[in-house]
Protein backbone atom coordinates (compact mmCIF):
# COMPACT_ATOMS: atom_id res chain seq x y z
CA MET A 1 54.77 22.93 -183.33
CA ASN A 2 53.88 26.58 -183.72
CA GLU A 3 51.66 28.38 -181.22
CA MET A 4 48.46 27.73 -183.19
CA SER A 5 49.28 24.03 -183.54
CA ASN A 6 49.91 23.83 -179.82
CA ASP A 7 46.53 25.44 -179.18
CA ILE A 8 44.71 22.95 -181.45
CA HIS A 9 46.57 20.03 -179.87
CA ALA A 10 45.64 21.19 -176.37
CA LEU A 11 42.03 21.78 -177.41
CA MET A 12 41.62 18.31 -178.91
CA GLN A 13 43.34 16.61 -175.98
CA SER A 14 40.95 18.37 -173.62
CA ILE A 15 37.95 17.34 -175.72
CA GLY A 16 39.21 13.75 -175.90
CA LYS A 17 39.76 13.40 -172.18
CA ALA A 18 36.34 14.86 -171.40
CA ALA A 19 34.76 12.48 -173.91
CA GLN A 20 36.53 9.52 -172.38
CA ALA A 21 35.22 10.40 -168.91
CA ALA A 22 31.72 10.99 -170.26
CA GLY A 23 31.88 7.68 -172.15
CA ARG A 24 32.49 5.80 -168.92
CA ALA A 25 29.35 7.39 -167.47
CA LEU A 26 27.28 6.62 -170.57
CA ALA A 27 28.40 2.99 -170.64
CA VAL A 28 26.49 2.37 -167.41
CA ALA A 29 23.66 4.86 -167.96
CA SER A 30 20.18 3.39 -167.79
CA PRO A 31 18.14 2.95 -170.97
CA GLU A 32 15.59 5.34 -169.44
CA ALA A 33 18.17 8.11 -169.00
CA LYS A 34 19.41 7.80 -172.59
CA THR A 35 15.85 7.78 -173.91
CA LYS A 36 14.98 10.89 -171.91
CA ALA A 37 18.07 12.69 -173.21
CA LEU A 38 17.07 11.93 -176.78
CA MET A 39 13.44 12.92 -176.33
CA GLU A 40 14.46 16.19 -174.70
CA ALA A 41 16.93 16.86 -177.52
CA ALA A 42 14.17 16.36 -180.10
CA LYS A 43 11.97 18.72 -178.13
CA ALA A 44 14.75 21.32 -178.04
CA ILE A 45 15.23 21.11 -181.81
CA ARG A 46 11.56 21.91 -182.35
CA THR A 47 11.56 24.64 -179.70
CA ARG A 48 14.70 26.29 -181.09
CA LYS A 49 13.76 25.95 -184.76
CA VAL A 50 13.97 29.69 -185.41
CA GLU A 51 17.53 29.78 -184.05
CA ILE A 52 18.53 26.78 -186.15
CA ILE A 53 17.13 28.27 -189.35
CA ALA A 54 18.82 31.62 -188.65
CA ALA A 55 22.14 29.85 -188.17
CA ASN A 56 21.56 27.81 -191.32
CA GLU A 57 20.88 30.94 -193.34
CA LYS A 58 24.36 32.18 -192.45
CA ASP A 59 25.86 28.94 -193.75
CA VAL A 60 23.79 28.90 -196.93
CA SER A 61 24.64 32.52 -197.70
CA ALA A 62 28.35 31.84 -197.18
CA GLY A 63 28.09 28.69 -199.30
CA LYS A 64 26.57 30.57 -202.21
CA GLU A 65 29.30 33.21 -201.97
CA LYS A 66 31.90 30.42 -202.11
CA GLY A 67 30.23 29.06 -205.26
CA LEU A 68 28.99 25.75 -203.90
CA THR A 69 27.05 23.74 -206.48
CA PRO A 70 23.23 23.59 -206.26
CA ALA A 71 23.52 19.96 -205.14
CA LEU A 72 25.82 20.91 -202.24
CA ILE A 73 23.57 23.81 -201.30
CA ASP A 74 20.64 21.37 -201.25
CA ARG A 75 22.56 19.16 -198.80
CA LEU A 76 23.22 22.20 -196.62
CA VAL A 77 19.76 23.81 -196.49
CA LEU A 78 17.51 23.30 -193.47
CA ASP A 79 13.82 24.17 -193.64
CA ASP A 80 10.81 23.40 -191.46
CA ALA A 81 10.38 19.94 -192.96
CA ARG A 82 14.02 18.95 -192.56
CA ILE A 83 14.16 20.22 -189.00
CA GLU A 84 11.04 18.24 -188.18
CA GLY A 85 12.72 15.27 -189.86
CA MET A 86 15.74 15.68 -187.58
CA ALA A 87 13.57 15.78 -184.47
CA ALA A 88 11.51 12.80 -185.62
CA GLY A 89 14.71 10.93 -186.44
CA ILE A 90 16.02 11.43 -182.91
CA GLU A 91 12.69 10.19 -181.53
CA ALA A 92 12.91 7.14 -183.77
CA VAL A 93 16.36 6.36 -182.34
CA ALA A 94 15.00 6.85 -178.83
CA ALA A 95 12.25 4.30 -179.55
CA LEU A 96 14.71 1.58 -180.59
CA ALA A 97 15.57 -1.23 -178.21
CA ASP A 98 18.65 -0.43 -176.17
CA PRO A 99 21.58 -2.20 -177.87
CA VAL A 100 23.81 -2.23 -174.77
CA GLY A 101 23.71 -5.30 -172.56
CA ARG A 102 22.17 -7.59 -175.18
CA VAL A 103 23.21 -11.20 -174.66
CA LEU A 104 24.42 -12.15 -178.14
CA ALA A 105 25.18 -15.76 -177.26
CA GLU A 106 25.56 -17.92 -174.16
CA TRP A 107 26.58 -21.47 -173.45
CA ASP A 108 27.76 -23.76 -170.66
CA ARG A 109 31.03 -25.67 -170.56
CA PRO A 110 31.40 -29.22 -169.18
CA ASN A 111 33.41 -27.84 -166.26
CA GLY A 112 30.44 -25.73 -165.16
CA LEU A 113 31.65 -22.37 -166.51
CA LYS A 114 28.87 -20.25 -167.95
CA ILE A 115 29.99 -18.05 -170.85
CA ARG A 116 28.05 -15.26 -172.51
CA ARG A 117 28.86 -12.69 -175.16
CA VAL A 118 27.36 -9.31 -174.26
CA ALA A 119 27.05 -6.12 -176.32
CA VAL A 120 28.96 -3.13 -174.95
CA PRO A 121 29.63 0.43 -176.23
CA LEU A 122 32.64 1.08 -178.43
CA GLY A 123 33.69 3.99 -176.19
CA VAL A 124 34.44 7.33 -177.90
CA ILE A 125 33.46 7.80 -181.54
CA GLY A 126 34.87 10.61 -183.64
CA VAL A 127 32.70 11.65 -186.57
CA ILE A 128 34.25 13.80 -189.32
CA TYR A 129 31.73 15.06 -191.87
CA GLU A 130 31.20 17.81 -194.38
CA SER A 131 28.24 19.89 -195.45
CA ARG A 132 25.13 18.07 -194.19
CA PRO A 133 24.20 19.60 -190.81
CA ASN A 134 21.62 16.91 -190.04
CA VAL A 135 24.54 14.51 -189.50
CA THR A 136 25.11 16.37 -186.22
CA ALA A 137 21.73 15.21 -184.95
CA ASP A 138 21.89 11.71 -186.41
CA ALA A 139 25.42 10.95 -185.26
CA GLY A 140 24.95 12.41 -181.80
CA ALA A 141 21.70 10.51 -181.26
CA LEU A 142 23.04 7.17 -182.48
CA CYS A 143 26.22 7.37 -180.44
CA LEU A 144 24.25 8.28 -177.32
CA LYS A 145 21.73 5.45 -177.76
CA ALA A 146 24.60 2.97 -178.07
CA GLY A 147 26.26 4.34 -174.93
CA ASN A 148 29.15 6.02 -176.73
CA ALA A 149 30.56 9.48 -176.26
CA ALA A 150 30.84 11.42 -179.52
CA ILE A 151 33.27 14.01 -180.85
CA LEU A 152 31.68 15.69 -183.87
CA ARG A 153 33.75 17.61 -186.38
CA GLY A 154 31.46 19.07 -189.04
CA GLY A 155 32.60 20.92 -192.11
CA SER A 156 33.10 24.67 -192.30
CA GLU A 157 30.10 24.97 -194.66
CA SER A 158 27.69 23.88 -191.91
CA PHE A 159 29.55 25.42 -188.96
CA HIS A 160 26.74 27.63 -187.61
CA SER A 161 23.97 25.10 -188.30
CA SER A 162 25.84 22.30 -186.56
CA SER A 163 26.52 24.53 -183.57
CA ALA A 164 22.82 25.30 -183.12
CA ILE A 165 21.85 21.63 -183.44
CA HIS A 166 24.60 20.56 -181.05
CA ASP A 167 23.27 22.98 -178.42
CA CYS A 168 19.96 21.09 -178.54
CA LEU A 169 21.69 17.74 -178.01
CA VAL A 170 23.50 19.12 -174.97
CA ASP A 171 20.18 20.45 -173.63
CA GLY A 172 18.83 16.90 -173.84
CA LEU A 173 21.82 15.38 -172.05
CA LYS A 174 21.63 17.86 -169.20
CA ALA A 175 17.85 17.42 -168.84
CA ALA A 176 18.45 13.70 -168.33
CA GLY A 177 21.24 14.19 -165.82
CA LEU A 178 23.92 12.92 -168.21
CA PRO A 179 27.24 14.71 -168.81
CA GLY A 180 27.05 17.39 -171.50
CA GLU A 181 30.51 16.30 -172.66
CA ALA A 182 28.99 13.04 -173.91
CA ILE A 183 28.38 14.79 -177.25
CA GLN A 184 31.03 17.38 -178.06
CA ARG A 185 31.50 19.45 -181.19
CA VAL A 186 34.93 20.61 -182.33
CA PRO A 187 34.56 24.41 -182.09
CA THR A 188 36.98 25.33 -184.88
CA THR A 189 37.11 25.03 -188.66
CA ASP A 190 40.90 24.66 -188.56
CA ARG A 191 41.76 21.52 -190.55
CA ALA A 192 44.51 20.79 -188.03
CA ALA A 193 41.76 19.57 -185.68
CA VAL A 194 41.04 16.73 -188.10
CA GLY A 195 44.70 15.79 -188.11
CA GLU A 196 44.67 15.70 -184.32
CA MET A 197 41.60 13.46 -184.22
CA LEU A 198 43.29 10.98 -186.54
CA THR A 199 46.15 10.49 -184.06
CA MET A 200 44.18 10.42 -180.80
CA VAL A 201 44.82 6.75 -180.07
CA GLY A 202 43.70 5.98 -176.53
CA LEU A 203 41.18 8.82 -176.50
CA ILE A 204 39.12 8.02 -179.61
CA ASP A 205 38.19 4.38 -180.25
CA VAL A 206 36.69 4.63 -183.75
CA ILE A 207 36.47 7.35 -186.40
CA VAL A 208 33.62 7.62 -188.90
CA PRO A 209 34.44 9.84 -191.91
CA ARG A 210 31.52 11.12 -194.01
CA GLY A 211 32.24 13.29 -196.99
CA GLY A 212 33.85 13.59 -200.39
CA LYS A 213 36.64 11.56 -201.88
CA SER A 214 39.43 13.90 -200.72
CA LEU A 215 38.29 13.76 -197.09
CA ILE A 216 37.95 9.97 -197.11
CA GLU A 217 41.36 9.52 -198.73
CA ARG A 218 43.00 11.82 -196.20
CA VAL A 219 41.43 9.98 -193.28
CA MET A 220 42.37 6.57 -194.69
CA ASN A 221 45.96 7.66 -195.31
CA GLU A 222 46.55 9.45 -192.02
CA SER A 223 44.41 7.82 -189.36
CA LYS A 224 46.03 5.81 -186.60
CA VAL A 225 42.57 5.22 -185.12
CA PRO A 226 40.35 2.40 -186.50
CA LEU A 227 37.78 3.53 -189.10
CA PHE A 228 34.28 2.82 -190.32
CA LYS A 229 34.93 3.74 -193.94
CA HIS A 230 32.16 5.50 -195.85
CA LEU A 231 33.55 5.71 -199.37
CA GLU A 232 31.99 7.26 -202.44
CA GLY A 233 28.47 6.37 -203.50
CA ILE A 234 29.14 5.32 -207.08
CA CYS A 235 25.82 3.51 -207.28
CA HIS A 236 24.47 1.63 -210.30
CA THR A 237 21.01 0.73 -211.55
CA TYR A 238 20.96 -2.12 -214.07
CA VAL A 239 17.87 -2.47 -216.29
CA ASP A 240 17.63 -6.05 -217.51
CA ALA A 241 15.97 -7.24 -220.73
CA LYS A 242 13.20 -8.78 -218.61
CA ALA A 243 12.49 -5.51 -216.74
CA ASP A 244 8.97 -4.12 -216.62
CA PRO A 245 9.26 -0.90 -218.70
CA GLU A 246 7.06 1.24 -216.44
CA LYS A 247 8.79 -0.01 -213.30
CA ALA A 248 12.21 0.56 -214.86
CA LEU A 249 11.31 4.12 -215.80
CA ALA A 250 9.87 5.05 -212.40
CA VAL A 251 12.68 3.47 -210.38
CA THR A 252 15.47 4.91 -212.54
CA LEU A 253 14.10 8.45 -212.38
CA ASN A 254 13.70 8.25 -208.61
CA ALA A 255 17.11 6.65 -208.11
CA LYS A 256 18.82 9.52 -209.95
CA MET A 257 16.64 12.58 -209.50
CA ARG A 258 14.82 12.40 -206.13
CA ARG A 259 17.86 13.95 -204.46
CA THR A 260 20.96 14.08 -206.59
CA GLY A 261 23.33 15.10 -203.80
CA ILE A 262 23.05 12.04 -201.55
CA CYS A 263 25.35 9.02 -201.53
CA GLY A 264 22.53 6.66 -202.51
CA ALA A 265 21.80 8.47 -205.78
CA THR A 266 22.39 6.36 -208.87
CA GLU A 267 25.35 7.70 -210.85
CA THR A 268 25.51 5.11 -213.64
CA LEU A 269 22.62 3.49 -215.51
CA LEU A 270 23.41 0.15 -217.13
CA VAL A 271 20.99 -1.14 -219.77
CA ASP A 272 20.94 -4.66 -221.16
CA GLN A 273 21.62 -4.66 -224.91
CA ALA A 274 18.82 -7.21 -225.26
CA ALA A 275 16.32 -4.77 -223.73
CA GLY A 276 16.21 -3.07 -227.10
CA GLU A 277 16.50 0.45 -228.42
CA ASP A 278 12.99 1.43 -227.27
CA MET A 279 13.81 0.73 -223.61
CA LEU A 280 17.09 2.62 -223.81
CA LYS A 281 15.48 5.53 -225.63
CA SER A 282 12.61 5.85 -223.12
CA LEU A 283 15.01 5.89 -220.15
CA VAL A 284 17.38 8.41 -221.74
CA GLU A 285 14.57 10.74 -222.86
CA ALA A 286 12.90 10.64 -219.43
CA LEU A 287 16.17 11.61 -217.73
CA LEU A 288 16.77 14.44 -220.20
CA GLN A 289 13.21 15.72 -219.72
CA ALA A 290 13.86 15.76 -215.98
CA ASP A 291 16.78 18.16 -216.64
CA CYS A 292 19.40 15.51 -216.05
CA GLU A 293 22.57 15.70 -218.15
CA VAL A 294 23.20 12.32 -219.79
CA ARG A 295 26.68 11.15 -220.73
CA GLY A 296 26.56 7.91 -222.65
CA ASP A 297 28.31 5.30 -224.74
CA ALA A 298 27.76 5.08 -228.49
CA ALA A 299 24.42 3.28 -228.12
CA ALA A 300 23.07 5.89 -225.72
CA GLN A 301 24.25 8.71 -227.96
CA ALA A 302 22.52 7.09 -230.92
CA VAL A 303 19.04 7.30 -229.35
CA ASP A 304 19.19 11.06 -228.63
CA THR A 305 21.48 13.76 -229.96
CA ARG A 306 21.44 15.54 -226.60
CA VAL A 307 23.46 12.73 -224.98
CA LYS A 308 27.08 13.77 -224.47
CA PRO A 309 29.93 11.29 -225.02
CA ALA A 310 30.98 9.54 -221.82
CA THR A 311 34.68 9.39 -221.00
CA ASP A 312 36.49 6.68 -219.05
CA GLU A 313 36.42 9.01 -216.05
CA ASP A 314 32.62 9.12 -216.05
CA TRP A 315 32.33 5.47 -215.01
CA ASP A 316 34.31 6.26 -211.84
CA THR A 317 32.64 9.55 -210.92
CA GLU A 318 30.26 10.31 -208.06
CA TYR A 319 28.52 13.34 -209.56
CA LEU A 320 26.26 14.30 -206.64
CA ASP A 321 24.46 16.37 -209.25
CA ALA A 322 21.87 16.05 -212.03
CA ILE A 323 24.30 14.13 -214.24
CA ILE A 324 24.25 10.42 -215.09
CA SER A 325 26.42 8.13 -217.19
CA VAL A 326 24.63 5.52 -219.33
CA LYS A 327 26.15 2.33 -220.74
CA THR A 328 24.76 -0.69 -222.55
CA VAL A 329 26.03 -4.06 -221.33
CA ASP A 330 25.79 -7.69 -222.42
CA GLY A 331 23.24 -9.02 -219.95
CA VAL A 332 23.61 -9.50 -216.24
CA ASP A 333 27.18 -10.78 -216.60
CA GLY A 334 28.13 -7.56 -218.36
CA ALA A 335 26.46 -5.52 -215.63
CA VAL A 336 28.17 -7.45 -212.84
CA GLY A 337 31.53 -7.08 -214.60
CA HIS A 338 31.13 -3.32 -214.99
CA ILE A 339 30.04 -2.93 -211.37
CA ALA A 340 32.98 -5.04 -210.13
CA GLN A 341 35.35 -2.69 -211.94
CA HIS A 342 33.73 0.67 -211.17
CA SER A 343 31.42 0.43 -208.14
CA SER A 344 32.49 1.88 -204.79
CA GLY A 345 30.80 -1.04 -203.03
CA HIS A 346 27.98 1.16 -201.70
CA THR A 347 24.63 0.30 -203.38
CA ASP A 348 23.74 -1.34 -206.68
CA ALA A 349 20.32 -2.33 -208.03
CA ILE A 350 18.77 -4.53 -210.71
CA ILE A 351 15.40 -4.01 -212.37
CA THR A 352 14.02 -7.30 -213.72
CA GLU A 353 11.07 -9.69 -213.55
CA ASP A 354 13.36 -12.71 -214.06
CA MET A 355 14.03 -14.10 -210.59
CA ALA A 356 16.92 -16.31 -211.68
CA THR A 357 18.69 -13.25 -213.12
CA ALA A 358 17.82 -11.27 -210.00
CA GLU A 359 19.31 -13.91 -207.71
CA LYS A 360 22.50 -14.01 -209.78
CA PHE A 361 22.88 -10.24 -209.46
CA LEU A 362 22.04 -10.14 -205.74
CA ASN A 363 24.45 -12.99 -204.94
CA THR A 364 27.31 -11.90 -207.21
CA VAL A 365 27.54 -8.12 -206.80
CA ASP A 366 29.89 -7.48 -203.89
CA SER A 367 28.44 -4.27 -202.48
CA ALA A 368 27.20 -3.36 -199.01
CA ILE A 369 23.64 -3.05 -200.33
CA VAL A 370 22.15 -4.81 -203.35
CA MET A 371 18.57 -4.17 -204.44
CA LEU A 372 15.91 -5.68 -206.68
CA ASN A 373 13.23 -3.50 -208.29
CA ALA A 374 13.80 -0.63 -205.86
CA SER A 375 15.42 2.79 -205.97
CA THR A 376 18.98 3.07 -204.72
CA GLN A 377 17.78 6.09 -202.75
CA PHE A 378 16.41 3.64 -200.18
CA ALA A 379 20.04 3.11 -199.08
CA ASP A 380 19.40 4.76 -195.74
CA GLY A 381 19.36 3.50 -192.16
CA GLY A 382 16.05 5.21 -191.46
CA GLU A 383 14.46 3.46 -194.46
CA PHE A 384 15.87 0.16 -193.19
CA GLY A 385 13.99 0.64 -189.91
CA MET A 386 17.19 1.37 -187.99
CA GLY A 387 15.98 4.79 -186.82
CA ALA A 388 18.90 6.55 -188.47
CA GLU A 389 22.47 5.82 -189.47
CA ILE A 390 25.84 7.33 -188.86
CA GLY A 391 26.86 6.41 -192.40
CA ILE A 392 26.92 3.62 -194.96
CA SER A 393 30.01 1.52 -194.36
CA THR A 394 31.64 0.22 -197.53
CA ASP A 395 34.13 -1.71 -195.42
CA LYS A 396 33.77 -5.42 -194.68
CA MET A 397 35.04 -5.50 -191.10
CA HIS A 398 32.74 -5.10 -188.09
CA ALA A 399 30.04 -3.09 -189.84
CA ARG A 400 28.84 -3.04 -193.45
CA GLY A 401 26.00 -1.04 -194.97
CA PRO A 402 23.96 1.31 -192.75
CA VAL A 403 25.71 1.81 -189.41
CA GLY A 404 23.00 2.07 -186.76
CA VAL A 405 22.94 1.61 -183.01
CA GLU A 406 23.71 -2.12 -183.05
CA GLN A 407 26.74 -1.56 -185.28
CA LEU A 408 28.01 1.07 -182.81
CA THR A 409 28.55 -1.58 -180.17
CA SER A 410 31.24 -4.18 -179.66
CA PHE A 411 31.05 -7.07 -177.23
CA LYS A 412 32.81 -8.66 -174.31
CA TYR A 413 32.77 -12.18 -172.92
CA GLN A 414 31.49 -12.64 -169.40
CA VAL A 415 32.58 -15.91 -167.79
CA ILE A 416 30.74 -17.02 -164.64
CA GLY A 417 32.30 -19.67 -162.46
CA SER A 418 31.77 -21.26 -159.06
CA GLY A 419 35.40 -21.67 -158.02
CA GLN A 420 36.77 -23.59 -161.00
CA THR A 421 40.54 -23.82 -161.42
CA ARG A 422 42.25 -24.92 -164.62
CA PRO A 423 44.13 -28.22 -164.29
CA SER A 424 47.88 -28.29 -164.93
């Protein structure tokens, strides 16, 4: 190791050990103390709004100089409404039932042993994320509510914003008499810190990566610590022949254009061939009028000359921008087949009034979230009533879909006896 590598290693070891100690304190903290810490953190975010916006302006200015796309700048920007949303999101997490100590199951054995399965914190959670500074608030709040210590490593684009938000979380912890080290932020943009986190077995229990494909691939390839994988959001909306035209139009436009830079944005529109040219034409024209670039197959190109030819790569691309790929398919089976080949397993939706077709889609598509007659932009823990989420897990182990406070716990078995011994 060179001197800088040694410094990063020492820094991360120090952060990990402090988090481990703080995690032990949080695991036995009262629900009232955790709630107070969260409420005080929300209060601090509102009180220090001017500081947060000033810090965010530094990040946005630097991002524009680096040539970040408008969609990435949109993910980065904090304004009054988004800051209020962060504070309200923390309060929503605070209002949730405490997930720690829940008795998940209990039963008695013939020998008199009483066995119960009880929810417990995971321990120390490392969160590696990119440009969205609100993840700092969401992740810190969720980990705290579930009794976990958190190590937050945000991207360089949101460095100043995340720092200002983190200060508010620490204010909340200290106001509640909890260790400030319970939520730590990696204070460097050096990518070596990420590499260190991925090898901190024994200090970090789980890592949650949130970001682009390159980050997720690096974490998956290098991590020796268990992961909650949040892969790409290559989300699909399928418009069936039995779809209500007005509903299909409204949902499709919202699913793509409400916010193009989030993981729940629809990236590919699939249209049943049997829906007819009028349905396809109305959807394509509405997207184009909304300033969305449309890349389509031959049928989509035929209804409007502004549609660009789609390439094979388009069906596997998370644009995170005002771009959509459009393909006609042979009914629900064609849609399911395309999704099976190209979906990232995040969120896929069907628009139809035929309930038999809907049930086939909902039961057959193997994604974390499947929807009927609703925008894929509802793929969000807050919209699910979970207060917030640390990410959308596209994995199938432990947690799948929005990862909220309940998913940030594990369990242990408690066995209560009265002197029983096991016979030879």
